[in-house]
Amino acid sequence: MTDTSTLVQTYLAAFNESDEERRRALVEQAFAEDATYLDPLMSAAGTAELTAMIGGARAQFPSHRFVAGDRPDAHHDVVRFGWHLVDPDGARVATGLDVASLAPDGRMRSVIGFLETAEG
């Protein structure tokens, strides 16, 4: 089982990866095969849909990156963590909070994301 901080970093790395093959490998590391994702703008189920969904997000913000917010908080099989979408200058464009349930192997089984308005 992966520690929570490493899991969140792998998750964010998947959202930051522009190469589809490398993104899929990161998705496979962070998410269980039957994982689901849901936020106010996107949803996906399974590795192929997750990889494509993240690719769509990358296409909307090609020069931006996701960075971790506060340290992840976890108990039992649930983890919550904040993140920021930053522009090339490092300015925050959006902030979010994700809550994930974990599979027995420590990968994310389901993720529910909450988005906050852009700062600025």
PDB file of N, CA and C in Angstrom:
ATOM      1  N   MET A   1       0.837  -1.181   0.000  1.00  0.00           N
ATOM      2  CA  MET A   1       0.000   0.000   0.000  1.00  0.00           C
ATOM      3  C   MET A   1       0.880   1.242   0.000  1.00  0.00           C
ATOM      4  N   THR A   2       0.526   2.199  -0.817  1.00  0.00           N
ATOM      5  CA  THR A   2       1.268   3.445  -0.957  1.00  0.00           C
ATOM      6  C   THR A   2       0.878   4.399   0.159  1.00  0.00           C
ATOM      7  N   ASP A   3       1.836   5.197   0.642  1.00  0.00           N
ATOM      8  CA  ASP A   3       1.466   6.184   1.645  1.00  0.00           C
ATOM      9  C   ASP A   3       0.635   7.283   0.990  1.00  0.00           C
ATOM     10  N   THR A   4      -0.159   7.959   1.797  1.00  0.00           N
ATOM     11  CA  THR A   4      -1.130   8.925   1.294  1.00  0.00           C
ATOM     12  C   THR A   4      -0.475  10.064   0.520  1.00  0.00           C
ATOM     13  N   SER A   5       0.615  10.612   1.019  1.00  0.00           N
ATOM     14  CA  SER A   5       1.270  11.729   0.327  1.00  0.00           C
ATOM     15  C   SER A   5       1.761  11.319  -1.056  1.00  0.00           C
ATOM     16  N   THR A   6       2.356  10.131  -1.161  1.00  0.00           N
ATOM     17  CA  THR A   6       2.826   9.637  -2.451  1.00  0.00           C
ATOM     18  C   THR A   6       1.659   9.404  -3.394  1.00  0.00           C
ATOM     19  N   LEU A   7       0.566   8.864  -2.878  1.00  0.00           N
ATOM     20  CA  LEU A   7      -0.619   8.631  -3.690  1.00  0.00           C
ATOM     21  C   LEU A   7      -1.150   9.947  -4.266  1.00  0.00           C
ATOM     22  N   VAL A   8      -1.254  10.969  -3.439  1.00  0.00           N
ATOM     23  CA  VAL A   8      -1.753  12.269  -3.906  1.00  0.00           C
ATOM     24  C   VAL A   8      -0.791  12.878  -4.919  1.00  0.00           C
ATOM     25  N   GLN A   9       0.507  12.750  -4.711  1.00  0.00           N
ATOM     26  CA  GLN A   9       1.476  13.281  -5.676  1.00  0.00           C
ATOM     27  C   GLN A   9       1.364  12.556  -7.022  1.00  0.00           C
ATOM     28  N   THR A  10       1.137  11.251  -6.991  1.00  0.00           N
ATOM     29  CA  THR A  10       0.963  10.488  -8.231  1.00  0.00           C
ATOM     30  C   THR A  10      -0.313  10.915  -8.938  1.00  0.00           C
ATOM     31  N   TYR A  11      -1.376  11.113  -8.182  1.00  0.00           N
ATOM     32  CA  TYR A  11      -2.653  11.597  -8.720  1.00  0.00           C
ATOM     33  C   TYR A  11      -2.468  12.943  -9.416  1.00  0.00           C
ATOM     34  N   LEU A  12      -1.811  13.880  -8.747  1.00  0.00           N
ATOM     35  CA  LEU A  12      -1.580  15.201  -9.340  1.00  0.00           C
ATOM     36  C   LEU A  12      -0.647  15.108 -10.544  1.00  0.00           C
ATOM     37  N   ALA A  13       0.342  14.230 -10.485  1.00  0.00           N
ATOM     38  CA  ALA A  13       1.245  14.041 -11.624  1.00  0.00           C
ATOM     39  C   ALA A  13       0.468  13.570 -12.848  1.00  0.00           C
ATOM     40  N   ALA A  14      -0.544  12.714 -12.642  1.00  0.00           N
ATOM     41  CA  ALA A  14      -1.378  12.274 -13.763  1.00  0.00           C
ATOM     42  C   ALA A  14      -2.090  13.464 -14.400  1.00  0.00           C
ATOM     43  N   PHE A  15      -2.606  14.370 -13.571  1.00  0.00           N
ATOM     44  CA  PHE A  15      -3.284  15.558 -14.096  1.00  0.00           C
ATOM     45  C   PHE A  15      -2.313  16.522 -14.780  1.00  0.00           C
ATOM     46  N   ASN A  16      -1.047  16.441 -14.455  1.00  0.00           N
ATOM     47  CA  ASN A  16      -0.050  17.332 -15.055  1.00  0.00           C
ATOM     48  C   ASN A  16       0.652  16.737 -16.272  1.00  0.00           C
ATOM     49  N   GLU A  17       0.434  15.461 -16.526  1.00  0.00           N
ATOM     50  CA  GLU A  17       1.160  14.773 -17.598  1.00  0.00           C
ATOM     51  C   GLU A  17       0.503  15.009 -18.956  1.00  0.00           C
ATOM     52  N   SER A  18       1.271  15.533 -19.902  1.00  0.00           N
ATOM     53  CA  SER A  18       0.739  15.802 -21.236  1.00  0.00           C
ATOM     54  C   SER A  18       0.831  14.581 -22.162  1.00  0.00           C
ATOM     55  N   ASP A  19       1.762  13.676 -21.909  1.00  0.00           N
ATOM     56  CA  ASP A  19       1.918  12.485 -22.736  1.00  0.00           C
ATOM     57  C   ASP A  19       0.899  11.427 -22.316  1.00  0.00           C
ATOM     58  N   GLU A  20       0.082  10.983 -23.263  1.00  0.00           N
ATOM     59  CA  GLU A  20      -1.011  10.077 -22.935  1.00  0.00           C
ATOM     60  C   GLU A  20      -0.540   8.744 -22.347  1.00  0.00           C
ATOM     61  N   GLU A  21       0.512   8.157 -22.879  1.00  0.00           N
ATOM     62  CA  GLU A  21       1.005   6.876 -22.356  1.00  0.00           C
ATOM     63  C   GLU A  21       1.510   7.019 -20.921  1.00  0.00           C
ATOM     64  N   ARG A  22       2.276   8.075 -20.655  1.00  0.00           N
ATOM     65  CA  ARG A  22       2.765   8.298 -19.292  1.00  0.00           C
ATOM     66  C   ARG A  22       1.605   8.634 -18.352  1.00  0.00           C
ATOM     67  N   ARG A  23       0.623   9.399 -18.875  1.00  0.00           N
ATOM     68  CA  ARG A  23      -0.550   9.729 -18.054  1.00  0.00           C
ATOM     69  C   ARG A  23      -1.295   8.454 -17.673  1.00  0.00           C
ATOM     70  N   ARG A  24      -1.487   7.560 -18.642  1.00  0.00           N
ATOM     71  CA  ARG A  24      -2.193   6.305 -18.357  1.00  0.00           C
ATOM     72  C   ARG A  24      -1.447   5.492 -17.296  1.00  0.00           C
ATOM     73  N   ALA A  25      -0.128   5.453 -17.372  1.00  0.00           N
ATOM     74  CA  ALA A  25       0.659   4.722 -16.370  1.00  0.00           C
ATOM     75  C   ALA A  25       0.464   5.328 -14.982  1.00  0.00           C
ATOM     76  N   LEU A  26       0.423   6.650 -14.905  1.00  0.00           N
ATOM     77  CA  LEU A  26       0.186   7.322 -13.621  1.00  0.00           C
ATOM     78  C   LEU A  26      -1.233   7.058 -13.118  1.00  0.00           C
ATOM     79  N   VAL A  27      -2.209   7.065 -14.026  1.00  0.00           N
ATOM     80  CA  VAL A  27      -3.584   6.738 -13.650  1.00  0.00           C
ATOM     81  C   VAL A  27      -3.638   5.328 -13.084  1.00  0.00           C
ATOM     82  N   GLU A  28      -2.951   4.400 -13.719  1.00  0.00           N
ATOM     83  CA  GLU A  28      -2.940   3.016 -13.234  1.00  0.00           C
ATOM     84  C   GLU A  28      -2.283   2.893 -11.869  1.00  0.00           C
ATOM     85  N   GLN A  29      -1.311   3.743 -11.578  1.00  0.00           N
ATOM     86  CA  GLN A  29      -0.669   3.730 -10.263  1.00  0.00           C
ATOM     87  C   GLN A  29      -1.578   4.322  -9.187  1.00  0.00           C
ATOM     88  N   ALA A  30      -2.328   5.371  -9.533  1.00  0.00           N
ATOM     89  CA  ALA A  30      -3.118   6.101  -8.540  1.00  0.00           C
ATOM     90  C   ALA A  30      -4.529   5.534  -8.349  1.00  0.00           C
ATOM     91  N   PHE A  31      -5.113   4.981  -9.407  1.00  0.00           N
ATOM     92  CA  PHE A  31      -6.510   4.554  -9.367  1.00  0.00           C
ATOM     93  C   PHE A  31      -6.651   3.049  -9.510  1.00  0.00           C
ATOM     94  N   ALA A  32      -7.607   2.474  -8.791  1.00  0.00           N
ATOM     95  CA  ALA A  32      -7.984   1.080  -8.996  1.00  0.00           C
ATOM     96  C   ALA A  32      -8.586   0.947 -10.394  1.00  0.00           C
ATOM     97  N   GLU A  33      -8.562  -0.256 -10.954  1.00  0.00           N
ATOM     98  CA  GLU A  33      -9.057  -0.473 -12.320  1.00  0.00           C
ATOM     99  C   GLU A  33     -10.497  -0.015 -12.507  1.00  0.00           C
ATOM    100  N   ASP A  34     -11.333  -0.200 -11.492  1.00  0.00           N
ATOM    101  CA  ASP A  34     -12.756   0.139 -11.601  1.00  0.00           C
ATOM    102  C   ASP A  34     -13.080   1.482 -10.945  1.00  0.00           C
ATOM    103  N   ALA A  35     -12.082   2.331 -10.808  1.00  0.00           N
ATOM    104  CA  ALA A  35     -12.262   3.611 -10.111  1.00  0.00           C
ATOM    105  C   ALA A  35     -13.227   4.528 -10.843  1.00  0.00           C
ATOM    106  N   THR A  36     -13.846   5.413 -10.063  1.00  0.00           N
ATOM    107  CA  THR A  36     -14.727   6.437 -10.609  1.00  0.00           C
ATOM    108  C   THR A  36     -14.262   7.810 -10.137  1.00  0.00           C
ATOM    109  N   TYR A  37     -14.606   8.830 -10.928  1.00  0.00           N
ATOM    110  CA  TYR A  37     -14.279  10.216 -10.619  1.00  0.00           C
ATOM    111  C   TYR A  37     -15.511  11.057 -10.918  1.00  0.00           C
ATOM    112  N   LEU A  38     -15.802  12.013 -10.024  1.00  0.00           N
ATOM    113  CA  LEU A  38     -16.943  12.890 -10.222  1.00  0.00           C
ATOM    114  C   LEU A  38     -16.643  14.252  -9.624  1.00  0.00           C
ATOM    115  N   ASP A  39     -16.768  15.303 -10.420  1.00  0.00           N
ATOM    116  CA  ASP A  39     -16.741  16.674  -9.912  1.00  0.00           C
ATOM    117  C   ASP A  39     -17.831  17.446 -10.650  1.00  0.00           C
ATOM    118  N   PRO A  40     -18.036  18.721 -10.364  1.00  0.00           N
ATOM    119  CA  PRO A  40     -19.135  19.437 -11.019  1.00  0.00           C
ATOM    120  C   PRO A  40     -19.019  19.543 -12.546  1.00  0.00           C
ATOM    121  N   LEU A  41     -17.825  19.330 -13.096  1.00  0.00           N
ATOM    122  CA  LEU A  41     -17.613  19.509 -14.529  1.00  0.00           C
ATOM    123  C   LEU A  41     -17.331  18.223 -15.293  1.00  0.00           C
ATOM    124  N   MET A  42     -16.844  17.191 -14.614  1.00  0.00           N
ATOM    125  CA  MET A  42     -16.377  15.985 -15.305  1.00  0.00           C
ATOM    126  C   MET A  42     -16.751  14.735 -14.516  1.00  0.00           C
ATOM    127  N   SER A  43     -16.802  13.628 -15.239  1.00  0.00           N
ATOM    128  CA  SER A  43     -16.949  12.328 -14.584  1.00  0.00           C
ATOM    129  C   SER A  43     -16.307  11.272 -15.474  1.00  0.00           C
ATOM    130  N   ALA A  44     -15.882  10.200 -14.840  1.00  0.00           N
ATOM    131  CA  ALA A  44     -15.254   9.106 -15.576  1.00  0.00           C
ATOM    132  C   ALA A  44     -15.302   7.842 -14.732  1.00  0.00           C
ATOM    133  N   ALA A  45     -15.215   6.705 -15.420  1.00  0.00           N
ATOM    134  CA  ALA A  45     -15.159   5.406 -14.753  1.00  0.00           C
ATOM    135  C   ALA A  45     -14.167   4.527 -15.502  1.00  0.00           C
ATOM    136  N   GLY A  46     -13.237   3.934 -14.778  1.00  0.00           N
ATOM    137  CA  GLY A  46     -12.258   3.041 -15.372  1.00  0.00           C
ATOM    138  C   GLY A  46     -11.041   3.777 -15.918  1.00  0.00           C
ATOM    139  N   THR A  47      -9.993   3.028 -16.121  1.00  0.00           N
ATOM    140  CA  THR A  47      -8.700   3.588 -16.523  1.00  0.00           C
ATOM    141  C   THR A  47      -8.760   4.376 -17.831  1.00  0.00           C
ATOM    142  N   ALA A  48      -9.401   3.831 -18.843  1.00  0.00           N
ATOM    143  CA  ALA A  48      -9.440   4.507 -20.143  1.00  0.00           C
ATOM    144  C   ALA A  48     -10.178   5.840 -20.052  1.00  0.00           C
ATOM    145  N   GLU A  49     -11.345   5.845 -19.391  1.00  0.00           N
ATOM    146  CA  GLU A  49     -12.102   7.098 -19.262  1.00  0.00           C
ATOM    147  C   GLU A  49     -11.359   8.112 -18.400  1.00  0.00           C
ATOM    148  N   LEU A  50     -10.746   7.652 -17.321  1.00  0.00           N
ATOM    149  CA  LEU A  50      -9.988   8.569 -16.460  1.00  0.00           C
ATOM    150  C   LEU A  50      -8.836   9.211 -17.230  1.00  0.00           C
ATOM    151  N   THR A  51      -8.120   8.400 -17.995  1.00  0.00           N
ATOM    152  CA  THR A  51      -6.994   8.917 -18.780  1.00  0.00           C
ATOM    153  C   THR A  51      -7.478   9.956 -19.795  1.00  0.00           C
ATOM    154  N   ALA A  52      -8.585   9.661 -20.470  1.00  0.00           N
ATOM    155  CA  ALA A  52      -9.135  10.595 -21.457  1.00  0.00           C
ATOM    156  C   ALA A  52      -9.673  11.858 -20.789  1.00  0.00           C
ATOM    157  N   MET A  53     -10.360  11.712 -19.657  1.00  0.00           N
ATOM    158  CA  MET A  53     -10.904  12.862 -18.945  1.00  0.00           C
ATOM    159  C   MET A  53      -9.786  13.816 -18.529  1.00  0.00           C
ATOM    160  N   ILE A  54      -8.724  13.262 -17.985  1.00  0.00           N
ATOM    161  CA  ILE A  54      -7.591  14.092 -17.568  1.00  0.00           C
ATOM    162  C   ILE A  54      -6.951  14.749 -18.784  1.00  0.00           C
ATOM    163  N   GLY A  55      -6.881  14.025 -19.893  1.00  0.00           N
ATOM    164  CA  GLY A  55      -6.371  14.612 -21.127  1.00  0.00           C
ATOM    165  C   GLY A  55      -7.201  15.805 -21.570  1.00  0.00           C
ATOM    166  N   GLY A  56      -8.514  15.714 -21.405  1.00  0.00           N
ATOM    167  CA  GLY A  56      -9.387  16.829 -21.726  1.00  0.00           C
ATOM    168  C   GLY A  56      -9.126  18.034 -20.848  1.00  0.00           C
ATOM    169  N   ALA A  57      -8.902  17.788 -19.565  1.00  0.00           N
ATOM    170  CA  ALA A  57      -8.569  18.892 -18.651  1.00  0.00           C
ATOM    171  C   ALA A  57      -7.236  19.523 -19.040  1.00  0.00           C
ATOM    172  N   ARG A  58      -6.267  18.680 -19.417  1.00  0.00           N
ATOM    173  CA  ARG A  58      -4.957  19.199 -19.846  1.00  0.00           C
ATOM    174  C   ARG A  58      -5.115  20.077 -21.089  1.00  0.00           C
ATOM    175  N   ALA A  59      -5.984  19.663 -21.998  1.00  0.00           N
ATOM    176  CA  ALA A  59      -6.186  20.426 -23.236  1.00  0.00           C
ATOM    177  C   ALA A  59      -6.767  21.808 -22.949  1.00  0.00           C
ATOM    178  N   GLN A  60      -7.589  21.919 -21.922  1.00  0.00           N
ATOM    179  CA  GLN A  60      -8.171  23.215 -21.567  1.00  0.00           C
ATOM    180  C   GLN A  60      -7.145  24.142 -20.928  1.00  0.00           C
ATOM    181  N   PHE A  61      -6.173  23.570 -20.224  1.00  0.00           N
ATOM    182  CA  PHE A  61      -5.162  24.347 -19.502  1.00  0.00           C
ATOM    183  C   PHE A  61      -3.771  23.790 -19.788  1.00  0.00           C
ATOM    184  N   PRO A  62      -3.317  23.846 -21.048  1.00  0.00           N
ATOM    185  CA  PRO A  62      -2.080  23.155 -21.434  1.00  0.00           C
ATOM    186  C   PRO A  62      -0.819  23.651 -20.739  1.00  0.00           C
ATOM    187  N   SER A  63      -0.759  24.884 -20.346  1.00  0.00           N
ATOM    188  CA  SER A  63       0.464  25.397 -19.716  1.00  0.00           C
ATOM    189  C   SER A  63       0.311  25.557 -18.208  1.00  0.00           C
ATOM    190  N   HIS A  64      -0.797  25.090 -17.660  1.00  0.00           N
ATOM    191  CA  HIS A  64      -1.041  25.168 -16.225  1.00  0.00           C
ATOM    192  C   HIS A  64      -0.630  23.866 -15.559  1.00  0.00           C
ATOM    193  N   ARG A  65      -0.572  23.881 -14.237  1.00  0.00           N
ATOM    194  CA  ARG A  65      -0.270  22.648 -13.512  1.00  0.00           C
ATOM    195  C   ARG A  65      -1.036  22.613 -12.202  1.00  0.00           C
ATOM    196  N   PHE A  66      -1.256  21.415 -11.732  1.00  0.00           N
ATOM    197  CA  PHE A  66      -1.919  21.194 -10.452  1.00  0.00           C
ATOM    198  C   PHE A  66      -0.848  20.992  -9.384  1.00  0.00           C
ATOM    199  N   VAL A  67      -1.006  21.673  -8.266  1.00  0.00           N
ATOM    200  CA  VAL A  67      -0.084  21.523  -7.147  1.00  0.00           C
ATOM    201  C   VAL A  67      -0.894  21.181  -5.900  1.00  0.00           C
ATOM    202  N   ALA A  68      -0.246  20.485  -4.990  1.00  0.00           N
ATOM    203  CA  ALA A  68      -0.903  20.077  -3.747  1.00  0.00           C
ATOM    204  C   ALA A  68      -1.185  21.275  -2.872  1.00  0.00           C
ATOM    205  N   GLY A  69      -2.302  21.207  -2.181  1.00  0.00           N
ATOM    206  CA  GLY A  69      -2.644  22.199  -1.169  1.00  0.00           C
ATOM    207  C   GLY A  69      -2.050  21.750   0.156  1.00  0.00           C
ATOM    208  N   ASP A  70      -2.855  21.786   1.186  1.00  0.00           N
ATOM    209  CA  ASP A  70      -2.401  21.325   2.491  1.00  0.00           C
ATOM    210  C   ASP A  70      -2.096  19.836   2.460  1.00  0.00           C
ATOM    211  N   ARG A  71      -1.395  19.386   3.483  1.00  0.00           N
ATOM    212  CA  ARG A  71      -1.050  17.969   3.610  1.00  0.00           C
ATOM    213  C   ARG A  71      -2.324  17.118   3.596  1.00  0.00           C
ATOM    214  N   PRO A  72      -2.318  15.997   2.888  1.00  0.00           N
ATOM    215  CA  PRO A  72      -3.501  15.129   2.847  1.00  0.00           C
ATOM    216  C   PRO A  72      -3.882  14.657   4.250  1.00  0.00           C
ATOM    217  N   ASP A  73      -5.163  14.452   4.444  1.00  0.00           N
ATOM    218  CA  ASP A  73      -5.701  13.970   5.717  1.00  0.00           C
ATOM    219  C   ASP A  73      -6.419  12.660   5.426  1.00  0.00           C
ATOM    220  N   ALA A  74      -6.151  11.632   6.206  1.00  0.00           N
ATOM    221  CA  ALA A  74      -6.753  10.332   5.930  1.00  0.00           C
ATOM    222  C   ALA A  74      -7.133   9.614   7.216  1.00  0.00           C
ATOM    223  N   HIS A  75      -8.179   8.825   7.118  1.00  0.00           N
ATOM    224  CA  HIS A  75      -8.519   7.862   8.156  1.00  0.00           C
ATOM    225  C   HIS A  75      -9.305   6.731   7.503  1.00  0.00           C
ATOM    226  N   HIS A  76      -9.194   5.571   8.094  1.00  0.00           N
ATOM    227  CA  HIS A  76      -9.811   4.371   7.550  1.00  0.00           C
ATOM    228  C   HIS A  76      -9.442   4.242   6.068  1.00  0.00           C
ATOM    229  N   ASP A  77     -10.412   4.171   5.195  1.00  0.00           N
ATOM    230  CA  ASP A  77     -10.100   4.037   3.767  1.00  0.00           C
ATOM    231  C   ASP A  77     -10.491   5.293   2.991  1.00  0.00           C
ATOM    232  N   VAL A  78     -10.388   6.461   3.647  1.00  0.00           N
ATOM    233  CA  VAL A  78     -10.778   7.727   3.020  1.00  0.00           C
ATOM    234  C   VAL A  78      -9.645   8.740   3.166  1.00  0.00           C
ATOM    235  N   VAL A  79      -9.406   9.478   2.094  1.00  0.00           N
ATOM    236  CA  VAL A  79      -8.397  10.539   2.125  1.00  0.00           C
ATOM    237  C   VAL A  79      -9.014  11.797   1.515  1.00  0.00           C
ATOM    238  N   ARG A  80      -8.676  12.946   2.103  1.00  0.00           N
ATOM    239  CA  ARG A  80      -9.088  14.220   1.512  1.00  0.00           C
ATOM    240  C   ARG A  80      -7.836  15.061   1.318  1.00  0.00           C
ATOM    241  N   PHE A  81      -7.859  15.846   0.243  1.00  0.00           N
ATOM    242  CA  PHE A  81      -6.694  16.672  -0.046  1.00  0.00           C
ATOM    243  C   PHE A  81      -7.095  17.853  -0.902  1.00  0.00           C
ATOM    244  N   GLY A  82      -6.427  18.951  -0.683  1.00  0.00           N
ATOM    245  CA  GLY A  82      -6.661  20.144  -1.473  1.00  0.00           C
ATOM    246  C   GLY A  82      -5.622  20.251  -2.577  1.00  0.00           C
ATOM    247  N   TRP A  83      -5.969  21.035  -3.580  1.00  0.00           N
ATOM    248  CA  TRP A  83      -5.057  21.275  -4.698  1.00  0.00           C
ATOM    249  C   TRP A  83      -5.341  22.658  -5.261  1.00  0.00           C
ATOM    250  N   HIS A  84      -4.395  23.140  -6.040  1.00  0.00           N
ATOM    251  CA  HIS A  84      -4.539  24.420  -6.733  1.00  0.00           C
ATOM    252  C   HIS A  84      -4.145  24.213  -8.185  1.00  0.00           C
ATOM    253  N   LEU A  85      -4.863  24.843  -9.084  1.00  0.00           N
ATOM    254  CA  LEU A  85      -4.453  24.928 -10.477  1.00  0.00           C
ATOM    255  C   LEU A  85      -3.751  26.264 -10.625  1.00  0.00           C
ATOM    256  N   VAL A  86      -2.494  26.227 -11.071  1.00  0.00           N
ATOM    257  CA  VAL A  86      -1.710  27.456 -11.187  1.00  0.00           C
ATOM    258  C   VAL A  86      -1.311  27.692 -12.632  1.00  0.00           C
ATOM    259  N   ASP A  87      -1.215  28.963 -12.986  1.00  0.00           N
ATOM    260  CA  ASP A  87      -0.801  29.328 -14.349  1.00  0.00           C
ATOM    261  C   ASP A  87       0.722  29.268 -14.446  1.00  0.00           C
ATOM    262  N   PRO A  88       1.298  29.518 -15.625  1.00  0.00           N
ATOM    263  CA  PRO A  88       2.756  29.408 -15.784  1.00  0.00           C
ATOM    264  C   PRO A  88       3.555  30.317 -14.848  1.00  0.00           C
ATOM    265  N   ASP A  89       2.939  31.392 -14.364  1.00  0.00           N
ATOM    266  CA  ASP A  89       3.621  32.279 -13.419  1.00  0.00           C
ATOM    267  C   ASP A  89       3.439  31.851 -11.978  1.00  0.00           C
ATOM    268  N   GLY A  90       2.684  30.784 -11.744  1.00  0.00           N
ATOM    269  CA  GLY A  90       2.457  30.286 -10.397  1.00  0.00           C
ATOM    270  C   GLY A  90       1.254  30.889  -9.698  1.00  0.00           C
ATOM    271  N   ALA A  91       0.499  31.728 -10.389  1.00  0.00           N
ATOM    272  CA  ALA A  91      -0.707  32.323  -9.800  1.00  0.00           C
ATOM    273  C   ALA A  91      -1.839  31.302  -9.788  1.00  0.00           C
ATOM    274  N   ARG A  92      -2.584  31.258  -8.703  1.00  0.00           N
ATOM    275  CA  ARG A  92      -3.708  30.336  -8.599  1.00  0.00           C
ATOM    276  C   ARG A  92      -4.841  30.737  -9.531  1.00  0.00           C
ATOM    277  N   VAL A  93      -5.324  29.761 -10.264  1.00  0.00           N
ATOM    278  CA  VAL A  93      -6.452  29.943 -11.164  1.00  0.00           C
ATOM    279  C   VAL A  93      -7.706  29.323 -10.553  1.00  0.00           C
ATOM    280  N   ALA A  94      -7.525  28.205  -9.874  1.00  0.00           N
ATOM    281  CA  ALA A  94      -8.638  27.501  -9.231  1.00  0.00           C
ATOM    282  C   ALA A  94      -8.097  26.728  -8.040  1.00  0.00           C
ATOM    283  N   THR A  95      -9.004  26.411  -7.139  1.00  0.00           N
ATOM    284  CA  THR A  95      -8.685  25.638  -5.948  1.00  0.00           C
ATOM    285  C   THR A  95      -9.751  24.569  -5.798  1.00  0.00           C
ATOM    286  N   GLY A  96      -9.364  23.431  -5.294  1.00  0.00           N
ATOM    287  CA  GLY A  96     -10.332  22.365  -5.102  1.00  0.00           C
ATOM    288  C   GLY A  96     -10.011  21.502  -3.905  1.00  0.00           C
ATOM    289  N   LEU A  97     -10.980  20.698  -3.542  1.00  0.00           N
ATOM    290  CA  LEU A  97     -10.836  19.718  -2.472  1.00  0.00           C
ATOM    291  C   LEU A  97     -11.381  18.409  -3.009  1.00  0.00           C
ATOM    292  N   ASP A  98     -10.591  17.366  -2.951  1.00  0.00           N
ATOM    293  CA  ASP A  98     -11.014  16.047  -3.402  1.00  0.00           C
ATOM    294  C   ASP A  98     -11.090  15.107  -2.212  1.00  0.00           C
ATOM    295  N   VAL A  99     -12.073  14.229  -2.246  1.00  0.00           N
ATOM    296  CA  VAL A  99     -12.249  13.196  -1.228  1.00  0.00           C
ATOM    297  C   VAL A  99     -12.251  11.865  -1.965  1.00  0.00           C
ATOM    298  N   ALA A 100     -11.383  10.973  -1.550  1.00  0.00           N
ATOM    299  CA  ALA A 100     -11.241   9.682  -2.238  1.00  0.00           C
ATOM    300  C   ALA A 100     -11.423   8.532  -1.259  1.00  0.00           C
ATOM    301  N   SER A 101     -12.112   7.497  -1.721  1.00  0.00           N
ATOM    302  CA  SER A 101     -12.122   6.241  -0.974  1.00  0.00           C
ATOM    303  C   SER A 101     -11.046   5.359  -1.597  1.00  0.00           C
ATOM    304  N   LEU A 102     -10.440   4.548  -0.765  1.00  0.00           N
ATOM    305  CA  LEU A 102      -9.312   3.738  -1.214  1.00  0.00           C
ATOM    306  C   LEU A 102      -9.686   2.265  -1.325  1.00  0.00           C
ATOM    307  N   ALA A 103      -9.130   1.624  -2.323  1.00  0.00           N
ATOM    308  CA  ALA A 103      -9.261   0.181  -2.492  1.00  0.00           C
ATOM    309  C   ALA A 103      -8.325  -0.509  -1.491  1.00  0.00           C
ATOM    310  N   PRO A 104      -8.493  -1.790  -1.269  1.00  0.00           N
ATOM    311  CA  PRO A 104      -7.608  -2.497  -0.332  1.00  0.00           C
ATOM    312  C   PRO A 104      -6.121  -2.384  -0.669  1.00  0.00           C
ATOM    313  N   ASP A 105      -5.775  -2.210  -1.949  1.00  0.00           N
ATOM    314  CA  ASP A 105      -4.361  -2.096  -2.323  1.00  0.00           C
ATOM    315  C   ASP A 105      -3.823  -0.674  -2.158  1.00  0.00           C
ATOM    316  N   GLY A 106      -4.660   0.265  -1.676  1.00  0.00           N
ATOM    317  CA  GLY A 106      -4.210   1.626  -1.409  1.00  0.00           C
ATOM    318  C   GLY A 106      -4.425   2.604  -2.541  1.00  0.00           C
ATOM    319  N   ARG A 107      -4.872   2.112  -3.704  1.00  0.00           N
ATOM    320  CA  ARG A 107      -5.170   3.029  -4.800  1.00  0.00           C
ATOM    321  C   ARG A 107      -6.573   3.612  -4.610  1.00  0.00           C
ATOM    322  N   MET A 108      -6.849   4.694  -5.325  1.00  0.00           N
ATOM    323  CA  MET A 108      -8.136   5.361  -5.207  1.00  0.00           C
ATOM    324  C   MET A 108      -9.216   4.555  -5.916  1.00  0.00           C
ATOM    325  N   ARG A 109     -10.295   4.318  -5.200  1.00  0.00           N
ATOM    326  CA  ARG A 109     -11.432   3.593  -5.769  1.00  0.00           C
ATOM    327  C   ARG A 109     -12.471   4.572  -6.307  1.00  0.00           C
ATOM    328  N   SER A 110     -12.705   5.654  -5.580  1.00  0.00           N
ATOM    329  CA  SER A 110     -13.616   6.688  -6.071  1.00  0.00           C
ATOM    330  C   SER A 110     -13.102   8.042  -5.592  1.00  0.00           C
ATOM    331  N   VAL A 111     -13.279   9.048  -6.432  1.00  0.00           N
ATOM    332  CA  VAL A 111     -12.879  10.412  -6.100  1.00  0.00           C
ATOM    333  C   VAL A 111     -14.073  11.323  -6.351  1.00  0.00           C
ATOM    334  N   ILE A 112     -14.374  12.143  -5.377  1.00  0.00           N
ATOM    335  CA  ILE A 112     -15.380  13.186  -5.539  1.00  0.00           C
ATOM    336  C   ILE A 112     -14.675  14.516  -5.331  1.00  0.00           C
ATOM    337  N   GLY A 113     -14.750  15.363  -6.339  1.00  0.00           N
ATOM    338  CA  GLY A 113     -14.055  16.643  -6.308  1.00  0.00           C
ATOM    339  C   GLY A 113     -14.999  17.811  -6.114  1.00  0.00           C
ATOM    340  N   PHE A 114     -14.534  18.793  -5.355  1.00  0.00           N
ATOM    341  CA  PHE A 114     -15.265  20.033  -5.123  1.00  0.00           C
ATOM    342  C   PHE A 114     -14.385  21.183  -5.616  1.00  0.00           C
ATOM    343  N   LEU A 115     -14.964  22.060  -6.406  1.00  0.00           N
ATOM    344  CA  LEU A 115     -14.218  23.165  -7.003  1.00  0.00           C
ATOM    345  C   LEU A 115     -14.619  24.484  -6.357  1.00  0.00           C
ATOM    346  N   GLU A 116     -13.630  25.343  -6.162  1.00  0.00           N
ATOM    347  CA  GLU A 116     -13.890  26.693  -5.674  1.00  0.00           C
ATOM    348  C   GLU A 116     -13.676  27.659  -6.822  1.00  0.00           C
ATOM    349  N   THR A 117     -14.205  28.843  -6.689  1.00  0.00           N
ATOM    350  CA  THR A 117     -14.056  29.836  -7.744  1.00  0.00           C
ATOM    351  C   THR A 117     -12.607  30.240  -7.896  1.00  0.00           C
ATOM    352  N   ALA A 118     -12.299  30.730  -9.073  1.00  0.00           N
ATOM    353  CA  ALA A 118     -10.946  31.192  -9.358  1.00  0.00           C
ATOM    354  C   ALA A 118     -10.599  32.358  -8.439  1.00  0.00           C
ATOM    355  N   GLU A 119      -9.353  32.374  -8.033  1.00  0.00           N
ATOM    356  CA  GLU A 119      -8.867  33.467  -7.196  1.00  0.00           C
ATOM    357  C   GLU A 119      -8.329  34.556  -8.070  1.00  0.00           C
ATOM    358  N   GLY A 120      -8.316  35.753  -7.549  1.00  0.00           N
ATOM    359  CA  GLY A 120      -7.635  36.673  -8.339  1.00  0.00           C
ATOM    360  C   GLY A 120      -7.975  38.041  -8.446  1.00  0.00           C
TER     361      GLY A 120
END
